[in-house]
Amino acid sequence: MIIFLIGMMGSGKSSIGAQLAKGLEIDFFDLDEVISLHAGSSIAQIFEKEGEKFFRELEKEMLQGFKKEEDLVLACGGGTPCFYNNMDWMLANGIVLYLKIPVETLTERLSQTDVNDRPLLSDSTRELTNRLESLLESRKAYYEKAHFEVNADQTQQEVLADLIFYLKRFKKGF
């Protein structure tokens, strides 16, 4: 079974996903890393050279290359659920967990990273907050379709405990 982690950039999908996969003794993949390896370029370079439309098409192809029979955790890009039929495909092919986190926490986390690696962001804190609020508003309806919503503004151990709780619940058929 595929466990899809969705949510905004900076919500912890990659770090939490790696720990969850380790605890479940299954493979972990970061969709952005899969795309970068396939393309031989960083996500920022793909956006710059080929544009977002090309990236989103490649993202869909890489996402839907995973088979629901595989046991793995997949950290998806923040926009993955919002394009093509990606969210419906994920809902039909695994368990979708939305890592929800306040914009203030995202701003704090992302202001400490190199925004040049994140093509949809700008570099001032005020602009960053405004951009994150706008992105979240445009993505919220997709994110909220997830099977489960997890408060990712906790310690990593608390988030992992919540994820395991929801996964057990899902396996039991609620």
N, C-alpha and C. Protein backbone atom coordinates (compact mmCIF):
# COMPACT_ATOMS: atom_id res chain seq x y z
N MET A 1 0.84 -1.17 0.00
CA MET A 1 0.00 0.00 0.00
C MET A 1 0.89 1.25 0.00
N ILE A 2 0.50 2.23 -0.78
CA ILE A 2 1.24 3.48 -0.82
C ILE A 2 0.65 4.45 0.20
N ILE A 3 1.51 5.06 0.98
CA ILE A 3 1.11 6.10 1.92
C ILE A 3 1.60 7.42 1.34
N PHE A 4 0.68 8.26 0.93
CA PHE A 4 1.01 9.55 0.33
C PHE A 4 0.97 10.63 1.41
N LEU A 5 2.03 11.40 1.52
CA LEU A 5 2.05 12.55 2.42
C LEU A 5 1.92 13.80 1.57
N ILE A 6 0.91 14.61 1.87
CA ILE A 6 0.70 15.85 1.13
C ILE A 6 0.67 17.01 2.12
N GLY A 7 0.83 18.21 1.59
CA GLY A 7 0.79 19.42 2.40
C GLY A 7 1.73 20.45 1.81
N MET A 8 1.77 21.57 2.44
CA MET A 8 2.61 22.67 1.97
C MET A 8 4.09 22.35 2.10
N MET A 9 4.89 23.01 1.26
CA MET A 9 6.33 22.90 1.40
C MET A 9 6.70 23.35 2.80
N GLY A 10 7.61 22.63 3.43
CA GLY A 10 8.02 22.99 4.78
C GLY A 10 7.18 22.34 5.87
N SER A 11 6.20 21.54 5.50
CA SER A 11 5.35 20.91 6.51
C SER A 11 5.98 19.66 7.12
N GLY A 12 7.09 19.22 6.56
CA GLY A 12 7.81 18.08 7.14
C GLY A 12 7.57 16.76 6.43
N LYS A 13 7.00 16.80 5.23
CA LYS A 13 6.67 15.57 4.51
C LYS A 13 7.88 14.67 4.32
N SER A 14 9.01 15.24 3.94
CA SER A 14 10.21 14.43 3.67
C SER A 14 10.82 13.86 4.94
N SER A 15 10.99 14.70 5.95
CA SER A 15 11.63 14.21 7.17
C SER A 15 10.72 13.25 7.92
N ILE A 16 9.46 13.58 8.03
CA ILE A 16 8.51 12.70 8.71
C ILE A 16 8.30 11.43 7.90
N GLY A 17 8.21 11.57 6.58
CA GLY A 17 8.02 10.41 5.72
C GLY A 17 9.15 9.41 5.83
N ALA A 18 10.37 9.89 5.89
CA ALA A 18 11.53 9.00 6.01
C ALA A 18 11.47 8.24 7.33
N GLN A 19 11.11 8.93 8.41
CA GLN A 19 11.01 8.29 9.72
C GLN A 19 9.85 7.29 9.76
N LEU A 20 8.73 7.65 9.16
CA LEU A 20 7.58 6.76 9.12
C LEU A 20 7.93 5.48 8.36
N ALA A 21 8.55 5.63 7.21
CA ALA A 21 8.94 4.47 6.40
C ALA A 21 9.90 3.57 7.17
N LYS A 22 10.84 4.19 7.85
CA LYS A 22 11.80 3.42 8.64
C LYS A 22 11.08 2.61 9.72
N GLY A 23 10.15 3.27 10.42
CA GLY A 23 9.40 2.59 11.47
C GLY A 23 8.52 1.47 10.94
N LEU A 24 8.00 1.65 9.73
CA LEU A 24 7.14 0.64 9.12
C LEU A 24 7.95 -0.41 8.34
N GLU A 25 9.26 -0.16 8.23
CA GLU A 25 10.17 -1.03 7.49
C GLU A 25 9.74 -1.19 6.03
N ILE A 26 9.43 -0.04 5.41
CA ILE A 26 9.11 0.00 3.99
C ILE A 26 9.94 1.10 3.35
N ASP A 27 9.91 1.17 2.03
CA ASP A 27 10.70 2.16 1.30
C ASP A 27 10.09 3.56 1.42
N PHE A 28 10.97 4.55 1.29
CA PHE A 28 10.56 5.95 1.29
C PHE A 28 11.05 6.60 0.01
N PHE A 29 10.20 7.42 -0.59
CA PHE A 29 10.58 8.20 -1.76
C PHE A 29 10.06 9.62 -1.59
N ASP A 30 10.84 10.57 -2.05
CA ASP A 30 10.43 11.97 -2.14
C ASP A 30 10.18 12.21 -3.61
N LEU A 31 8.95 12.57 -3.98
CA LEU A 31 8.59 12.71 -5.38
C LEU A 31 9.46 13.74 -6.10
N ASP A 32 9.79 14.84 -5.43
CA ASP A 32 10.66 15.83 -6.06
C ASP A 32 12.04 15.25 -6.38
N GLU A 33 12.56 14.42 -5.50
CA GLU A 33 13.85 13.77 -5.75
C GLU A 33 13.76 12.79 -6.91
N VAL A 34 12.66 12.06 -6.99
CA VAL A 34 12.44 11.13 -8.09
C VAL A 34 12.42 11.89 -9.42
N ILE A 35 11.72 13.01 -9.43
CA ILE A 35 11.63 13.84 -10.64
C ILE A 35 13.01 14.39 -11.01
N SER A 36 13.74 14.90 -10.02
CA SER A 36 15.08 15.46 -10.28
C SER A 36 16.02 14.40 -10.84
N LEU A 37 15.99 13.22 -10.26
CA LEU A 37 16.85 12.13 -10.76
C LEU A 37 16.48 11.76 -12.19
N HIS A 38 15.20 11.66 -12.46
CA HIS A 38 14.73 11.31 -13.80
C HIS A 38 15.12 12.37 -14.83
N ALA A 39 14.97 13.64 -14.45
CA ALA A 39 15.23 14.74 -15.38
C ALA A 39 16.71 15.13 -15.44
N GLY A 40 17.47 14.73 -14.42
CA GLY A 40 18.87 15.13 -14.37
C GLY A 40 19.05 16.60 -14.05
N SER A 41 18.04 17.21 -13.45
CA SER A 41 18.06 18.64 -13.09
C SER A 41 17.31 18.83 -11.78
N SER A 42 17.62 19.93 -11.10
CA SER A 42 16.87 20.26 -9.89
C SER A 42 15.47 20.75 -10.29
N ILE A 43 14.57 20.76 -9.32
CA ILE A 43 13.22 21.27 -9.57
C ILE A 43 13.28 22.72 -10.03
N ALA A 44 14.10 23.52 -9.37
CA ALA A 44 14.25 24.93 -9.76
C ALA A 44 14.73 25.06 -11.20
N GLN A 45 15.68 24.22 -11.60
CA GLN A 45 16.18 24.25 -12.98
C GLN A 45 15.11 23.84 -13.98
N ILE A 46 14.31 22.84 -13.62
CA ILE A 46 13.22 22.41 -14.51
C ILE A 46 12.22 23.55 -14.69
N PHE A 47 11.83 24.20 -13.61
CA PHE A 47 10.91 25.34 -13.69
C PHE A 47 11.50 26.44 -14.58
N GLU A 48 12.79 26.74 -14.36
CA GLU A 48 13.43 27.83 -15.10
C GLU A 48 13.56 27.51 -16.59
N LYS A 49 14.00 26.30 -16.90
CA LYS A 49 14.27 25.94 -18.31
C LYS A 49 13.02 25.51 -19.06
N GLU A 50 12.16 24.74 -18.41
CA GLU A 50 11.04 24.12 -19.12
C GLU A 50 9.67 24.70 -18.75
N GLY A 51 9.59 25.35 -17.59
CA GLY A 51 8.33 25.93 -17.14
C GLY A 51 7.53 25.00 -16.26
N GLU A 52 6.53 25.59 -15.58
CA GLU A 52 5.75 24.81 -14.64
C GLU A 52 4.89 23.76 -15.32
N LYS A 53 4.34 24.04 -16.49
CA LYS A 53 3.49 23.06 -17.19
C LYS A 53 4.27 21.78 -17.46
N PHE A 54 5.49 21.91 -17.96
CA PHE A 54 6.33 20.72 -18.22
C PHE A 54 6.58 19.97 -16.92
N PHE A 55 6.91 20.72 -15.85
CA PHE A 55 7.16 20.09 -14.56
C PHE A 55 5.94 19.32 -14.08
N ARG A 56 4.77 19.91 -14.17
CA ARG A 56 3.55 19.26 -13.67
C ARG A 56 3.23 17.99 -14.47
N GLU A 57 3.50 18.01 -15.76
CA GLU A 57 3.29 16.80 -16.57
C GLU A 57 4.26 15.70 -16.16
N LEU A 58 5.51 16.07 -15.93
CA LEU A 58 6.51 15.10 -15.48
C LEU A 58 6.16 14.58 -14.09
N GLU A 59 5.70 15.47 -13.23
CA GLU A 59 5.29 15.11 -11.88
C GLU A 59 4.17 14.05 -11.93
N LYS A 60 3.18 14.27 -12.79
CA LYS A 60 2.07 13.32 -12.93
C LYS A 60 2.59 11.97 -13.41
N GLU A 61 3.45 12.00 -14.38
CA GLU A 61 4.02 10.75 -14.92
C GLU A 61 4.78 9.97 -13.86
N MET A 62 5.62 10.67 -13.09
CA MET A 62 6.41 10.00 -12.05
C MET A 62 5.50 9.49 -10.92
N LEU A 63 4.53 10.30 -10.51
CA LEU A 63 3.60 9.91 -9.46
C LEU A 63 2.85 8.65 -9.85
N GLN A 64 2.28 8.66 -11.04
CA GLN A 64 1.44 7.55 -11.45
C GLN A 64 2.25 6.35 -11.93
N GLY A 65 3.57 6.46 -11.87
CA GLY A 65 4.44 5.32 -12.14
C GLY A 65 4.55 4.38 -10.95
N PHE A 66 4.14 4.85 -9.77
CA PHE A 66 4.13 3.99 -8.58
C PHE A 66 2.87 3.13 -8.64
N LYS A 67 3.00 1.90 -8.23
CA LYS A 67 1.88 0.95 -8.27
C LYS A 67 1.31 0.75 -6.87
N LYS A 68 -0.02 0.69 -6.78
CA LYS A 68 -0.65 0.60 -5.45
C LYS A 68 -0.29 -0.66 -4.70
N GLU A 69 0.23 -1.64 -5.39
CA GLU A 69 0.65 -2.88 -4.72
C GLU A 69 1.97 -2.72 -3.98
N GLU A 70 2.68 -1.64 -4.25
CA GLU A 70 3.97 -1.40 -3.60
C GLU A 70 3.74 -0.87 -2.18
N ASP A 71 4.56 -1.34 -1.24
CA ASP A 71 4.50 -0.82 0.12
C ASP A 71 5.56 0.26 0.25
N LEU A 72 5.13 1.51 0.34
CA LEU A 72 6.07 2.62 0.43
C LEU A 72 5.39 3.86 0.97
N VAL A 73 6.22 4.79 1.40
CA VAL A 73 5.78 6.12 1.80
C VAL A 73 6.30 7.07 0.74
N LEU A 74 5.42 7.94 0.23
CA LEU A 74 5.80 8.89 -0.81
C LEU A 74 5.46 10.31 -0.35
N ALA A 75 6.50 11.13 -0.17
CA ALA A 75 6.33 12.55 0.13
C ALA A 75 6.11 13.27 -1.19
N CYS A 76 4.95 13.87 -1.35
CA CYS A 76 4.61 14.56 -2.60
C CYS A 76 4.95 16.04 -2.50
N GLY A 77 5.16 16.66 -3.63
CA GLY A 77 5.38 18.09 -3.66
C GLY A 77 4.12 18.82 -3.22
N GLY A 78 4.27 20.03 -2.76
CA GLY A 78 3.14 20.79 -2.26
C GLY A 78 2.01 20.97 -3.26
N GLY A 79 2.34 21.07 -4.54
CA GLY A 79 1.32 21.27 -5.56
C GLY A 79 0.83 20.00 -6.22
N THR A 80 1.45 18.88 -5.91
CA THR A 80 1.10 17.62 -6.58
C THR A 80 -0.40 17.33 -6.59
N PRO A 81 -1.11 17.46 -5.47
CA PRO A 81 -2.54 17.10 -5.49
C PRO A 81 -3.41 18.02 -6.35
N CYS A 82 -2.88 19.17 -6.72
CA CYS A 82 -3.68 20.23 -7.34
C CYS A 82 -3.69 20.20 -8.86
N PHE A 83 -3.00 19.27 -9.47
CA PHE A 83 -2.90 19.27 -10.92
C PHE A 83 -3.37 17.94 -11.49
N TYR A 84 -3.93 18.05 -12.70
CA TYR A 84 -4.44 16.89 -13.41
C TYR A 84 -5.39 16.13 -12.50
N ASN A 85 -5.34 14.85 -12.49
CA ASN A 85 -6.21 14.07 -11.59
C ASN A 85 -5.38 13.44 -10.47
N ASN A 86 -4.29 14.07 -10.10
CA ASN A 86 -3.37 13.49 -9.12
C ASN A 86 -4.03 13.15 -7.79
N MET A 87 -4.85 14.04 -7.26
CA MET A 87 -5.45 13.77 -5.95
C MET A 87 -6.40 12.59 -6.03
N ASP A 88 -7.24 12.55 -7.05
CA ASP A 88 -8.15 11.41 -7.20
C ASP A 88 -7.37 10.12 -7.38
N TRP A 89 -6.28 10.18 -8.14
CA TRP A 89 -5.45 8.99 -8.35
C TRP A 89 -4.85 8.52 -7.02
N MET A 90 -4.34 9.46 -6.22
CA MET A 90 -3.76 9.08 -4.93
C MET A 90 -4.82 8.48 -4.00
N LEU A 91 -5.99 9.09 -3.95
CA LEU A 91 -7.06 8.58 -3.09
C LEU A 91 -7.46 7.16 -3.49
N ALA A 92 -7.40 6.85 -4.76
CA ALA A 92 -7.79 5.53 -5.26
C ALA A 92 -6.67 4.50 -5.13
N ASN A 93 -5.44 4.96 -4.92
CA ASN A 93 -4.30 4.04 -4.96
C ASN A 93 -3.51 3.95 -3.66
N GLY A 94 -4.04 4.50 -2.58
CA GLY A 94 -3.33 4.42 -1.31
C GLY A 94 -4.03 5.20 -0.23
N ILE A 95 -3.29 5.53 0.80
CA ILE A 95 -3.79 6.34 1.91
C ILE A 95 -3.16 7.72 1.78
N VAL A 96 -3.98 8.74 1.79
CA VAL A 96 -3.49 10.11 1.66
C VAL A 96 -3.60 10.80 3.01
N LEU A 97 -2.46 11.30 3.50
CA LEU A 97 -2.38 11.98 4.78
C LEU A 97 -1.93 13.43 4.55
N TYR A 98 -2.73 14.36 4.99
CA TYR A 98 -2.44 15.78 4.84
C TYR A 98 -1.74 16.27 6.11
N LEU A 99 -0.50 16.71 5.96
CA LEU A 99 0.25 17.29 7.08
C LEU A 99 -0.08 18.78 7.11
N LYS A 100 -0.96 19.15 8.01
CA LYS A 100 -1.46 20.53 8.11
C LYS A 100 -0.60 21.31 9.10
N ILE A 101 -0.24 22.52 8.71
CA ILE A 101 0.64 23.34 9.55
C ILE A 101 0.31 24.82 9.33
N PRO A 102 0.34 25.64 10.39
CA PRO A 102 0.02 27.07 10.23
C PRO A 102 1.04 27.81 9.35
N VAL A 103 0.56 28.81 8.65
CA VAL A 103 1.41 29.61 7.77
C VAL A 103 2.56 30.25 8.54
N GLU A 104 2.31 30.65 9.78
CA GLU A 104 3.37 31.28 10.58
C GLU A 104 4.54 30.32 10.77
N THR A 105 4.24 29.07 11.05
CA THR A 105 5.30 28.06 11.23
C THR A 105 6.01 27.81 9.91
N LEU A 106 5.24 27.73 8.82
CA LEU A 106 5.85 27.54 7.50
C LEU A 106 6.80 28.69 7.17
N THR A 107 6.35 29.91 7.43
CA THR A 107 7.19 31.09 7.15
C THR A 107 8.49 31.00 7.94
N GLU A 108 8.37 30.64 9.20
CA GLU A 108 9.56 30.52 10.05
C GLU A 108 10.52 29.46 9.50
N ARG A 109 9.99 28.31 9.16
CA ARG A 109 10.82 27.23 8.64
C ARG A 109 11.46 27.59 7.30
N LEU A 110 10.63 28.11 6.38
CA LEU A 110 11.11 28.37 5.02
C LEU A 110 12.02 29.59 4.93
N SER A 111 11.87 30.53 5.87
CA SER A 111 12.75 31.71 5.84
C SER A 111 14.18 31.33 6.19
N GLN A 112 14.37 30.13 6.74
CA GLN A 112 15.70 29.65 7.09
C GLN A 112 16.30 28.78 5.99
N THR A 113 15.58 28.64 4.87
CA THR A 113 16.09 27.84 3.75
C THR A 113 16.40 28.76 2.57
N ASP A 114 17.02 28.20 1.56
CA ASP A 114 17.33 28.96 0.35
C ASP A 114 16.11 28.94 -0.55
N VAL A 115 15.40 30.08 -0.64
CA VAL A 115 14.19 30.12 -1.46
C VAL A 115 14.49 29.94 -2.94
N ASN A 116 15.75 30.06 -3.34
CA ASN A 116 16.09 29.82 -4.74
C ASN A 116 15.84 28.36 -5.12
N ASP A 117 15.80 27.47 -4.12
CA ASP A 117 15.50 26.06 -4.37
C ASP A 117 14.00 25.81 -4.46
N ARG A 118 13.21 26.83 -4.17
CA ARG A 118 11.75 26.70 -4.19
C ARG A 118 11.19 27.73 -5.15
N PRO A 119 10.95 27.31 -6.38
CA PRO A 119 10.61 28.26 -7.45
C PRO A 119 9.32 29.05 -7.27
N LEU A 120 8.42 28.63 -6.40
CA LEU A 120 7.17 29.36 -6.23
C LEU A 120 7.19 30.38 -5.09
N LEU A 121 8.38 30.61 -4.51
CA LEU A 121 8.48 31.54 -3.38
C LEU A 121 9.31 32.76 -3.73
N SER A 122 9.12 33.80 -2.92
CA SER A 122 9.96 34.99 -3.01
C SER A 122 10.82 35.05 -1.76
N ASP A 123 11.71 36.07 -1.66
CA ASP A 123 12.68 36.00 -0.56
C ASP A 123 12.45 36.92 0.64
N SER A 124 11.54 37.86 0.62
CA SER A 124 11.33 38.65 1.83
C SER A 124 10.31 37.95 2.73
N THR A 125 10.46 38.11 4.04
CA THR A 125 9.58 37.40 4.98
C THR A 125 8.13 37.80 4.79
N ARG A 126 7.88 39.07 4.61
CA ARG A 126 6.50 39.53 4.41
C ARG A 126 5.92 38.96 3.12
N GLU A 127 6.71 39.03 2.05
CA GLU A 127 6.25 38.47 0.78
C GLU A 127 6.10 36.96 0.90
N LEU A 128 7.00 36.33 1.64
CA LEU A 128 6.94 34.88 1.83
C LEU A 128 5.64 34.50 2.54
N THR A 129 5.29 35.21 3.61
CA THR A 129 4.05 34.93 4.33
C THR A 129 2.84 35.11 3.41
N ASN A 130 2.82 36.20 2.66
CA ASN A 130 1.71 36.46 1.75
C ASN A 130 1.61 35.38 0.67
N ARG A 131 2.75 34.98 0.13
CA ARG A 131 2.77 33.95 -0.91
C ARG A 131 2.29 32.61 -0.35
N LEU A 132 2.73 32.26 0.85
CA LEU A 132 2.31 31.00 1.47
C LEU A 132 0.81 31.00 1.75
N GLU A 133 0.29 32.13 2.25
CA GLU A 133 -1.15 32.24 2.50
C GLU A 133 -1.93 32.06 1.21
N SER A 134 -1.46 32.67 0.15
CA SER A 134 -2.12 32.56 -1.15
C SER A 134 -2.07 31.13 -1.69
N LEU A 135 -0.89 30.51 -1.60
CA LEU A 135 -0.74 29.13 -2.06
C LEU A 135 -1.64 28.19 -1.27
N LEU A 136 -1.63 28.35 0.05
CA LEU A 136 -2.45 27.48 0.89
C LEU A 136 -3.93 27.64 0.56
N GLU A 137 -4.36 28.87 0.37
CA GLU A 137 -5.77 29.10 0.04
C GLU A 137 -6.14 28.41 -1.27
N SER A 138 -5.26 28.47 -2.27
CA SER A 138 -5.55 27.85 -3.57
C SER A 138 -5.47 26.32 -3.52
N ARG A 139 -4.76 25.77 -2.54
CA ARG A 139 -4.57 24.32 -2.45
C ARG A 139 -5.46 23.65 -1.41
N LYS A 140 -6.03 24.42 -0.54
CA LYS A 140 -6.76 23.91 0.62
C LYS A 140 -7.85 22.89 0.23
N ALA A 141 -8.62 23.18 -0.79
CA ALA A 141 -9.71 22.28 -1.19
C ALA A 141 -9.17 20.91 -1.61
N TYR A 142 -8.00 20.89 -2.22
CA TYR A 142 -7.38 19.61 -2.60
C TYR A 142 -6.86 18.88 -1.38
N TYR A 143 -6.13 19.60 -0.53
CA TYR A 143 -5.56 18.99 0.66
C TYR A 143 -6.64 18.37 1.55
N GLU A 144 -7.76 19.05 1.67
CA GLU A 144 -8.81 18.59 2.57
C GLU A 144 -9.56 17.36 2.07
N LYS A 145 -9.25 16.90 0.87
CA LYS A 145 -9.83 15.65 0.35
C LYS A 145 -9.10 14.43 0.89
N ALA A 146 -7.98 14.64 1.55
CA ALA A 146 -7.16 13.53 2.07
C ALA A 146 -7.98 12.64 2.99
N HIS A 147 -7.57 11.39 3.09
CA HIS A 147 -8.24 10.47 4.00
C HIS A 147 -8.15 10.96 5.45
N PHE A 148 -6.98 11.51 5.81
CA PHE A 148 -6.75 11.97 7.18
C PHE A 148 -5.96 13.28 7.16
N GLU A 149 -6.24 14.11 8.16
CA GLU A 149 -5.53 15.37 8.36
C GLU A 149 -4.74 15.25 9.66
N VAL A 150 -3.46 15.58 9.60
CA VAL A 150 -2.59 15.44 10.77
C VAL A 150 -2.02 16.81 11.12
N ASN A 151 -2.07 17.17 12.40
CA ASN A 151 -1.47 18.42 12.87
C ASN A 151 0.04 18.26 12.84
N ALA A 152 0.69 18.87 11.86
CA ALA A 152 2.14 18.73 11.72
C ALA A 152 2.90 19.79 12.50
N ASP A 153 2.20 20.62 13.26
CA ASP A 153 2.84 21.63 14.09
C ASP A 153 3.05 21.09 15.50
N GLN A 154 3.61 19.90 15.56
CA GLN A 154 3.92 19.22 16.82
C GLN A 154 5.36 18.72 16.71
N THR A 155 5.81 18.03 17.72
CA THR A 155 7.13 17.41 17.60
C THR A 155 7.04 16.29 16.57
N GLN A 156 8.17 15.94 16.01
CA GLN A 156 8.18 14.88 15.00
C GLN A 156 7.63 13.57 15.57
N GLN A 157 7.94 13.28 16.82
CA GLN A 157 7.45 12.04 17.44
C GLN A 157 5.93 12.06 17.58
N GLU A 158 5.36 13.21 17.93
CA GLU A 158 3.90 13.31 18.04
C GLU A 158 3.23 13.14 16.69
N VAL A 159 3.83 13.72 15.65
CA VAL A 159 3.28 13.58 14.30
C VAL A 159 3.34 12.12 13.87
N LEU A 160 4.47 11.46 14.12
CA LEU A 160 4.61 10.05 13.77
C LEU A 160 3.58 9.20 14.51
N ALA A 161 3.36 9.49 15.77
CA ALA A 161 2.37 8.74 16.55
C ALA A 161 0.97 8.92 15.95
N ASP A 162 0.63 10.14 15.56
CA ASP A 162 -0.66 10.39 14.91
C ASP A 162 -0.78 9.62 13.60
N LEU A 163 0.28 9.65 12.80
CA LEU A 163 0.26 8.95 11.52
C LEU A 163 0.03 7.46 11.71
N ILE A 164 0.72 6.89 12.64
CA ILE A 164 0.57 5.45 12.90
C ILE A 164 -0.85 5.15 13.38
N PHE A 165 -1.40 6.00 14.22
CA PHE A 165 -2.79 5.84 14.68
C PHE A 165 -3.75 5.82 13.49
N TYR A 166 -3.61 6.79 12.59
CA TYR A 166 -4.50 6.86 11.43
C TYR A 166 -4.32 5.68 10.49
N LEU A 167 -3.09 5.25 10.32
CA LEU A 167 -2.83 4.11 9.44
C LEU A 167 -3.47 2.84 9.99
N LYS A 168 -3.39 2.65 11.29
CA LYS A 168 -4.03 1.48 11.91
C LYS A 168 -5.54 1.56 11.74
N ARG A 169 -6.08 2.74 11.90
CA ARG A 169 -7.52 2.95 11.74
C ARG A 169 -7.95 2.65 10.31
N PHE A 170 -7.15 3.08 9.35
CA PHE A 170 -7.45 2.87 7.94
C PHE A 170 -7.46 1.38 7.62
N LYS A 171 -6.46 0.66 8.13
CA LYS A 171 -6.37 -0.78 7.87
C LYS A 171 -7.58 -1.54 8.43
N LYS A 172 -8.14 -1.05 9.53
CA LYS A 172 -9.29 -1.71 10.13
C LYS A 172 -10.58 -1.34 9.42
N GLY A 173 -10.50 -0.47 8.43
CA GLY A 173 -11.71 -0.06 7.71
C GLY A 173 -12.57 0.91 8.51
N PHE A 174 -11.90 1.65 9.40
CA PHE A 174 -12.54 2.64 10.26
C PHE A 174 -13.32 1.89 11.29
